[in-house]
């Protein structure tokens, strides 16, 4: 009989209605995943660039002084002193320590990125915790030395933490209301 719906059609229709009712966070999580992977790659590039400069025995203080002269920055300005101070400190830094820290940080970002790309619940919690840990430091830097860069970093990280927390909240509420598709629950295994 063509007019009567079969049981499997009714179940399929009901699941589809629940999926349409819940929010799809696929794009947002993938965007955050790409951002986190980019941060990992950037840290590795900077660390290996630093190691290469040290390996080539380039005098960073001379390089900083040449940069200040090339950009025609007044040597008495605060930025000149900060650049020279940073160059002096980098010469004293242990390259292996820098590389180990960069590798650890990047590994965390890559694991988080993989989990977010695959929409894993553990990665969402990792993103919330790892992002929230940096917020006090970023706020301190903003208060200590306000700049556009500090504002951007703080606002981006706050936006990520708030978004991922909203994703978790939305899914928890969806589970309570029966809106979360069974495929999401079974696939994640969390």
C-alpha atoms as a PDB file:
ATOM      1  CA  UNK A   1       0.000   0.000   0.000  1.00  0.00           C
ATOM      2  CA  UNK A   2       1.549   3.251  -1.178  1.00  0.00           C
ATOM      3  CA  UNK A   3      -0.178   5.767   1.189  1.00  0.00           C
ATOM      4  CA  UNK A   4       0.905   4.201   4.497  1.00  0.00           C
ATOM      5  CA  UNK A   5       4.390   4.980   5.806  1.00  0.00           C
ATOM      6  CA  UNK A   6       6.523   2.057   6.840  1.00  0.00           C
ATOM      7  CA  UNK A   7       8.126   1.885  10.276  1.00  0.00           C
ATOM      8  CA  UNK A   8      11.617   2.421   8.841  1.00  0.00           C
ATOM      9  CA  UNK A   9      10.442   5.527   6.937  1.00  0.00           C
ATOM     10  CA  UNK A  10       8.911   6.959  10.127  1.00  0.00           C
ATOM     11  CA  UNK A  11      12.118   6.310  12.129  1.00  0.00           C
ATOM     12  CA  UNK A  12      14.240   7.824   9.354  1.00  0.00           C
ATOM     13  CA  UNK A  13      11.967  10.873   9.214  1.00  0.00           C
ATOM     14  CA  UNK A  14      12.105  11.269  13.000  1.00  0.00           C
ATOM     15  CA  UNK A  15      15.925  11.092  13.028  1.00  0.00           C
ATOM     16  CA  UNK A  16      16.106  13.611  10.197  1.00  0.00           C
ATOM     17  CA  UNK A  17      13.830  15.997  12.116  1.00  0.00           C
ATOM     18  CA  UNK A  18      16.069  15.714  15.195  1.00  0.00           C
ATOM     19  CA  UNK A  19      19.184  16.364  13.116  1.00  0.00           C
ATOM     20  CA  UNK A  20      17.619  19.448  11.525  1.00  0.00           C
ATOM     21  CA  UNK A  21      16.586  20.693  14.953  1.00  0.00           C
ATOM     22  CA  UNK A  22      20.097  20.467  16.391  1.00  0.00           C
ATOM     23  CA  UNK A  23      22.840  22.939  15.514  1.00  0.00           C
ATOM     24  CA  UNK A  24      25.532  21.833  13.117  1.00  0.00           C
ATOM     25  CA  UNK A  25      28.939  22.933  14.398  1.00  0.00           C
ATOM     26  CA  UNK A  26      30.916  21.202  11.656  1.00  0.00           C
ATOM     27  CA  UNK A  27      32.140  24.373   9.904  1.00  0.00           C
ATOM     28  CA  UNK A  28      32.951  26.246  13.091  1.00  0.00           C
ATOM     29  CA  UNK A  29      34.940  23.362  14.551  1.00  0.00           C
ATOM     30  CA  UNK A  30      36.849  22.938  11.299  1.00  0.00           C
ATOM     31  CA  UNK A  31      37.663  26.655  11.251  1.00  0.00           C
ATOM     32  CA  UNK A  32      39.034  26.481  14.794  1.00  0.00           C
ATOM     33  CA  UNK A  33      40.905  23.304  13.824  1.00  0.00           C
ATOM     34  CA  UNK A  34      42.649  25.085  10.953  1.00  0.00           C
ATOM     35  CA  UNK A  35      43.535  28.015  13.223  1.00  0.00           C
ATOM     36  CA  UNK A  36      45.024  25.699  15.862  1.00  0.00           C
ATOM     37  CA  UNK A  37      47.048  23.757  13.281  1.00  0.00           C
ATOM     38  CA  UNK A  38      48.292  27.068  11.844  1.00  0.00           C
ATOM     39  CA  UNK A  39      49.486  28.131  15.297  1.00  0.00           C
ATOM     40  CA  UNK A  40      51.396  24.861  15.615  1.00  0.00           C
ATOM     41  CA  UNK A  41      53.048  25.285  12.217  1.00  0.00           C
ATOM     42  CA  UNK A  42      53.938  28.922  12.946  1.00  0.00           C
ATOM     43  CA  UNK A  43      55.604  28.030  16.255  1.00  0.00           C
ATOM     44  CA  UNK A  44      57.632  25.274  14.583  1.00  0.00           C
ATOM     45  CA  UNK A  45      58.733  27.592  11.767  1.00  0.00           C
ATOM     46  CA  UNK A  46      59.830  30.290  14.213  1.00  0.00           C
ATOM     47  CA  UNK A  47      61.654  27.788  16.439  1.00  0.00           C
ATOM     48  CA  UNK A  48      63.506  26.138  13.556  1.00  0.00           C
ATOM     49  CA  UNK A  49      64.293  29.561  12.069  1.00  0.00           C
ATOM     50  CA  UNK A  50      65.740  30.597  15.422  1.00  0.00           C
ATOM     51  CA  UNK A  51      67.764  27.381  15.609  1.00  0.00           C
ATOM     52  CA  UNK A  52      69.115  27.962  12.098  1.00  0.00           C
ATOM     53  CA  UNK A  53      70.173  31.515  12.958  1.00  0.00           C
ATOM     54  CA  UNK A  54      71.992  30.275  16.061  1.00  0.00           C
ATOM     55  CA  UNK A  55      73.502  27.359  14.106  1.00  0.00           C
ATOM     56  CA  UNK A  56      74.912  29.760  11.511  1.00  0.00           C
ATOM     57  CA  UNK A  57      76.558  31.744  14.338  1.00  0.00           C
ATOM     58  CA  UNK A  58      74.864  34.961  13.329  1.00  0.00           C
ATOM     59  CA  UNK A  59      75.342  37.684  15.923  1.00  0.00           C
ATOM     60  CA  UNK A  60      71.772  38.633  16.728  1.00  0.00           C
ATOM     61  CA  UNK A  61      72.796  41.854  18.436  1.00  0.00           C
ATOM     62  CA  UNK A  62      74.588  42.964  15.252  1.00  0.00           C
ATOM     63  CA  UNK A  63      71.581  41.888  13.176  1.00  0.00           C
ATOM     64  CA  UNK A  64      69.240  43.858  15.470  1.00  0.00           C
ATOM     65  CA  UNK A  65      71.471  46.944  15.226  1.00  0.00           C
ATOM     66  CA  UNK A  66      71.542  46.640  11.412  1.00  0.00           C
ATOM     67  CA  UNK A  67      67.748  46.323  11.362  1.00  0.00           C
ATOM     68  CA  UNK A  68      67.372  49.438  13.524  1.00  0.00           C
ATOM     69  CA  UNK A  69      69.727  51.352  11.218  1.00  0.00           C
ATOM     70  CA  UNK A  70      68.019  50.055   8.059  1.00  0.00           C
ATOM     71  CA  UNK A  71      64.549  51.049   9.329  1.00  0.00           C
ATOM     72  CA  UNK A  72      65.979  54.385  10.518  1.00  0.00           C
ATOM     73  CA  UNK A  73      64.629  53.939  14.034  1.00  0.00           C
ATOM     74  CA  UNK A  74      66.021  56.329  16.620  1.00  0.00           C
ATOM     75  CA  UNK A  75      68.385  54.297  18.868  1.00  0.00           C
ATOM     76  CA  UNK A  76      67.040  56.128  21.927  1.00  0.00           C
ATOM     77  CA  UNK A  77      63.459  54.967  21.331  1.00  0.00           C
ATOM     78  CA  UNK A  78      61.900  52.258  23.461  1.00  0.00           C
ATOM     79  CA  UNK A  79      61.478  49.870  20.522  1.00  0.00           C
ATOM     80  CA  UNK A  80      65.215  50.021  19.780  1.00  0.00           C
ATOM     81  CA  UNK A  81      66.062  49.132  23.360  1.00  0.00           C
ATOM     82  CA  UNK A  82      63.488  46.319  23.399  1.00  0.00           C
ATOM     83  CA  UNK A  83      64.847  44.866  20.139  1.00  0.00           C
ATOM     84  CA  UNK A  84      68.446  44.991  21.361  1.00  0.00           C
ATOM     85  CA  UNK A  85      67.456  43.469  24.714  1.00  0.00           C
ATOM     86  CA  UNK A  86      65.534  40.644  22.998  1.00  0.00           C
ATOM     87  CA  UNK A  87      68.493  39.948  20.678  1.00  0.00           C
ATOM     88  CA  UNK A  88      70.836  39.753  23.670  1.00  0.00           C
ATOM     89  CA  UNK A  89      68.540  37.344  25.506  1.00  0.00           C
ATOM     90  CA  UNK A  90      68.151  35.114  22.441  1.00  0.00           C
ATOM     91  CA  UNK A  91      71.907  34.673  22.174  1.00  0.00           C
ATOM     92  CA  UNK A  92      71.899  33.203  25.702  1.00  0.00           C
ATOM     93  CA  UNK A  93      68.965  30.849  25.046  1.00  0.00           C
ATOM     94  CA  UNK A  94      69.500  27.110  24.849  1.00  0.00           C
ATOM     95  CA  UNK A  95      68.446  26.030  21.348  1.00  0.00           C
ATOM     96  CA  UNK A  96      67.444  22.521  22.405  1.00  0.00           C
ATOM     97  CA  UNK A  97      65.143  23.929  25.089  1.00  0.00           C
ATOM     98  CA  UNK A  98      63.486  26.215  22.563  1.00  0.00           C
ATOM     99  CA  UNK A  99      63.026  23.370  20.092  1.00  0.00           C
ATOM    100  CA  UNK A 100      61.657  21.005  22.766  1.00  0.00           C
ATOM    101  CA  UNK A 101      59.135  23.597  23.976  1.00  0.00           C
ATOM    102  CA  UNK A 102      58.118  24.398  20.406  1.00  0.00           C
ATOM    103  CA  UNK A 103      57.682  20.713  19.608  1.00  0.00           C
ATOM    104  CA  UNK A 104      55.580  20.130  22.749  1.00  0.00           C
ATOM    105  CA  UNK A 105      53.382  23.177  22.059  1.00  0.00           C
ATOM    106  CA  UNK A 106      52.960  22.289  18.387  1.00  0.00           C
ATOM    107  CA  UNK A 107      52.150  18.670  19.199  1.00  0.00           C
ATOM    108  CA  UNK A 108      49.380  19.820  21.536  1.00  0.00           C
ATOM    109  CA  UNK A 109      48.009  22.133  18.826  1.00  0.00           C
ATOM    110  CA  UNK A 110      48.136  19.349  16.187  1.00  0.00           C
ATOM    111  CA  UNK A 111      46.370  16.843  18.448  1.00  0.00           C
ATOM    112  CA  UNK A 112      43.726  19.432  19.294  1.00  0.00           C
ATOM    113  CA  UNK A 113      43.351  20.308  15.616  1.00  0.00           C
ATOM    114  CA  UNK A 114      42.906  16.666  14.621  1.00  0.00           C
ATOM    115  CA  UNK A 115      40.275  16.141  17.302  1.00  0.00           C
ATOM    116  CA  UNK A 116      38.344  19.272  16.374  1.00  0.00           C
ATOM    117  CA  UNK A 117      38.459  18.366  12.683  1.00  0.00           C
ATOM    118  CA  UNK A 118      36.971  14.967  13.550  1.00  0.00           C
ATOM    119  CA  UNK A 119      34.480  16.628  15.966  1.00  0.00           C
ATOM    120  CA  UNK A 120      35.732  14.724  18.992  1.00  0.00           C
ATOM    121  CA  UNK A 121      34.335  15.718  22.360  1.00  0.00           C
ATOM    122  CA  UNK A 122      37.716  15.317  24.097  1.00  0.00           C
ATOM    123  CA  UNK A 123      39.214  17.847  21.660  1.00  0.00           C
ATOM    124  CA  UNK A 124      36.463  20.343  22.425  1.00  0.00           C
ATOM    125  CA  UNK A 125      37.284  20.081  26.138  1.00  0.00           C
ATOM    126  CA  UNK A 126      40.993  20.324  25.360  1.00  0.00           C
ATOM    127  CA  UNK A 127      40.354  23.485  23.320  1.00  0.00           C
ATOM    128  CA  UNK A 128      38.358  25.071  26.142  1.00  0.00           C
ATOM    129  CA  UNK A 129      40.966  24.273  28.783  1.00  0.00           C
ATOM    130  CA  UNK A 130      44.062  25.076  26.721  1.00  0.00           C
ATOM    131  CA  UNK A 131      42.522  28.305  25.454  1.00  0.00           C
ATOM    132  CA  UNK A 132      41.312  29.412  28.882  1.00  0.00           C
ATOM    133  CA  UNK A 133      44.743  28.808  30.452  1.00  0.00           C
ATOM    134  CA  UNK A 134      46.255  31.555  28.287  1.00  0.00           C
ATOM    135  CA  UNK A 135      43.550  34.168  28.924  1.00  0.00           C
ATOM    136  CA  UNK A 136      44.972  35.550  32.226  1.00  0.00           C
ATOM    137  CA  UNK A 137      48.433  35.891  30.652  1.00  0.00           C
ATOM    138  CA  UNK A 138      46.989  37.605  27.592  1.00  0.00           C
ATOM    139  CA  UNK A 139      44.963  39.959  29.786  1.00  0.00           C
ATOM    140  CA  UNK A 140      48.082  40.739  31.819  1.00  0.00           C
ATOM    141  CA  UNK A 141      50.029  41.522  28.623  1.00  0.00           C
ATOM    142  CA  UNK A 142      47.210  43.737  27.402  1.00  0.00           C
ATOM    143  CA  UNK A 143      47.109  45.697  30.660  1.00  0.00           C
ATOM    144  CA  UNK A 144      50.885  45.935  30.868  1.00  0.00           C
ATOM    145  CA  UNK A 145      51.462  46.934  27.243  1.00  0.00           C
ATOM    146  CA  UNK A 146      48.246  47.742  25.389  1.00  0.00           C
ATOM    147  CA  UNK A 147      48.555  47.242  21.658  1.00  0.00           C
ATOM    148  CA  UNK A 148      46.437  46.239  18.705  1.00  0.00           C
ATOM    149  CA  UNK A 149      48.235  42.865  18.563  1.00  0.00           C
ATOM    150  CA  UNK A 150      47.443  42.104  22.213  1.00  0.00           C
ATOM    151  CA  UNK A 151      43.803  43.079  21.678  1.00  0.00           C
ATOM    152  CA  UNK A 152      43.509  40.856  18.601  1.00  0.00           C
ATOM    153  CA  UNK A 153      45.136  37.865  20.312  1.00  0.00           C
ATOM    154  CA  UNK A 154      42.939  38.251  23.387  1.00  0.00           C
ATOM    155  CA  UNK A 155      39.714  38.692  21.416  1.00  0.00           C
ATOM    156  CA  UNK A 156      40.415  35.762  19.086  1.00  0.00           C
ATOM    157  CA  UNK A 157      41.182  33.436  21.996  1.00  0.00           C
ATOM    158  CA  UNK A 158      38.130  34.608  23.968  1.00  0.00           C
ATOM    159  CA  UNK A 159      35.988  34.037  20.875  1.00  0.00           C
ATOM    160  CA  UNK A 160      37.384  30.519  20.435  1.00  0.00           C
ATOM    161  CA  UNK A 161      36.874  29.575  24.093  1.00  0.00           C
ATOM    162  CA  UNK A 162      33.338  30.996  24.118  1.00  0.00           C
ATOM    163  CA  UNK A 163      32.441  29.301  20.823  1.00  0.00           C
ATOM    164  CA  UNK A 164      33.745  25.877  21.864  1.00  0.00           C
ATOM    165  CA  UNK A 165      32.040  26.222  25.265  1.00  0.00           C
ATOM    166  CA  UNK A 166      28.793  27.046  23.418  1.00  0.00           C
ATOM    167  CA  UNK A 167      29.263  23.936  21.236  1.00  0.00           C
ATOM    168  CA  UNK A 168      29.649  21.798  24.368  1.00  0.00           C
ATOM    169  CA  UNK A 169      26.657  23.481  26.054  1.00  0.00           C
ATOM    170  CA  UNK A 170      24.511  23.082  22.941  1.00  0.00           C
ATOM    171  CA  UNK A 171      25.353  19.398  22.697  1.00  0.00           C
ATOM    172  CA  UNK A 172      24.710  18.766  26.393  1.00  0.00           C
ATOM    173  CA  UNK A 173      21.321  20.494  26.121  1.00  0.00           C
ATOM    174  CA  UNK A 174      20.638  18.576  22.909  1.00  0.00           C
ATOM    175  CA  UNK A 175      21.297  15.273  24.642  1.00  0.00           C
ATOM    176  CA  UNK A 176      18.959  16.212  27.458  1.00  0.00           C
ATOM    177  CA  UNK A 177      16.249  17.124  24.969  1.00  0.00           C
ATOM    178  CA  UNK A 178      16.923  14.131  22.723  1.00  0.00           C
ATOM    179  CA  UNK A 179      18.030  16.301  19.769  1.00  0.00           C
ATOM    180  CA  UNK A 180      21.550  14.900  19.331  1.00  0.00           C
ATOM    181  CA  UNK A 181      21.711  12.363  16.519  1.00  0.00           C
ATOM    182  CA  UNK A 182      22.643   8.868  17.623  1.00  0.00           C
ATOM    183  CA  UNK A 183      25.419   8.824  15.006  1.00  0.00           C
ATOM    184  CA  UNK A 184      27.257  11.624  16.852  1.00  0.00           C
ATOM    185  CA  UNK A 185      27.069   9.724  20.135  1.00  0.00           C
ATOM    186  CA  UNK A 186      28.110   6.390  18.674  1.00  0.00           C
ATOM    187  CA  UNK A 187      30.834   7.803  16.419  1.00  0.00           C
ATOM    188  CA  UNK A 188      32.616   9.722  19.163  1.00  0.00           C
ATOM    189  CA  UNK A 189      32.579   7.009  21.759  1.00  0.00           C
ATOM    190  CA  UNK A 190      33.017   9.693  24.429  1.00  0.00           C
END
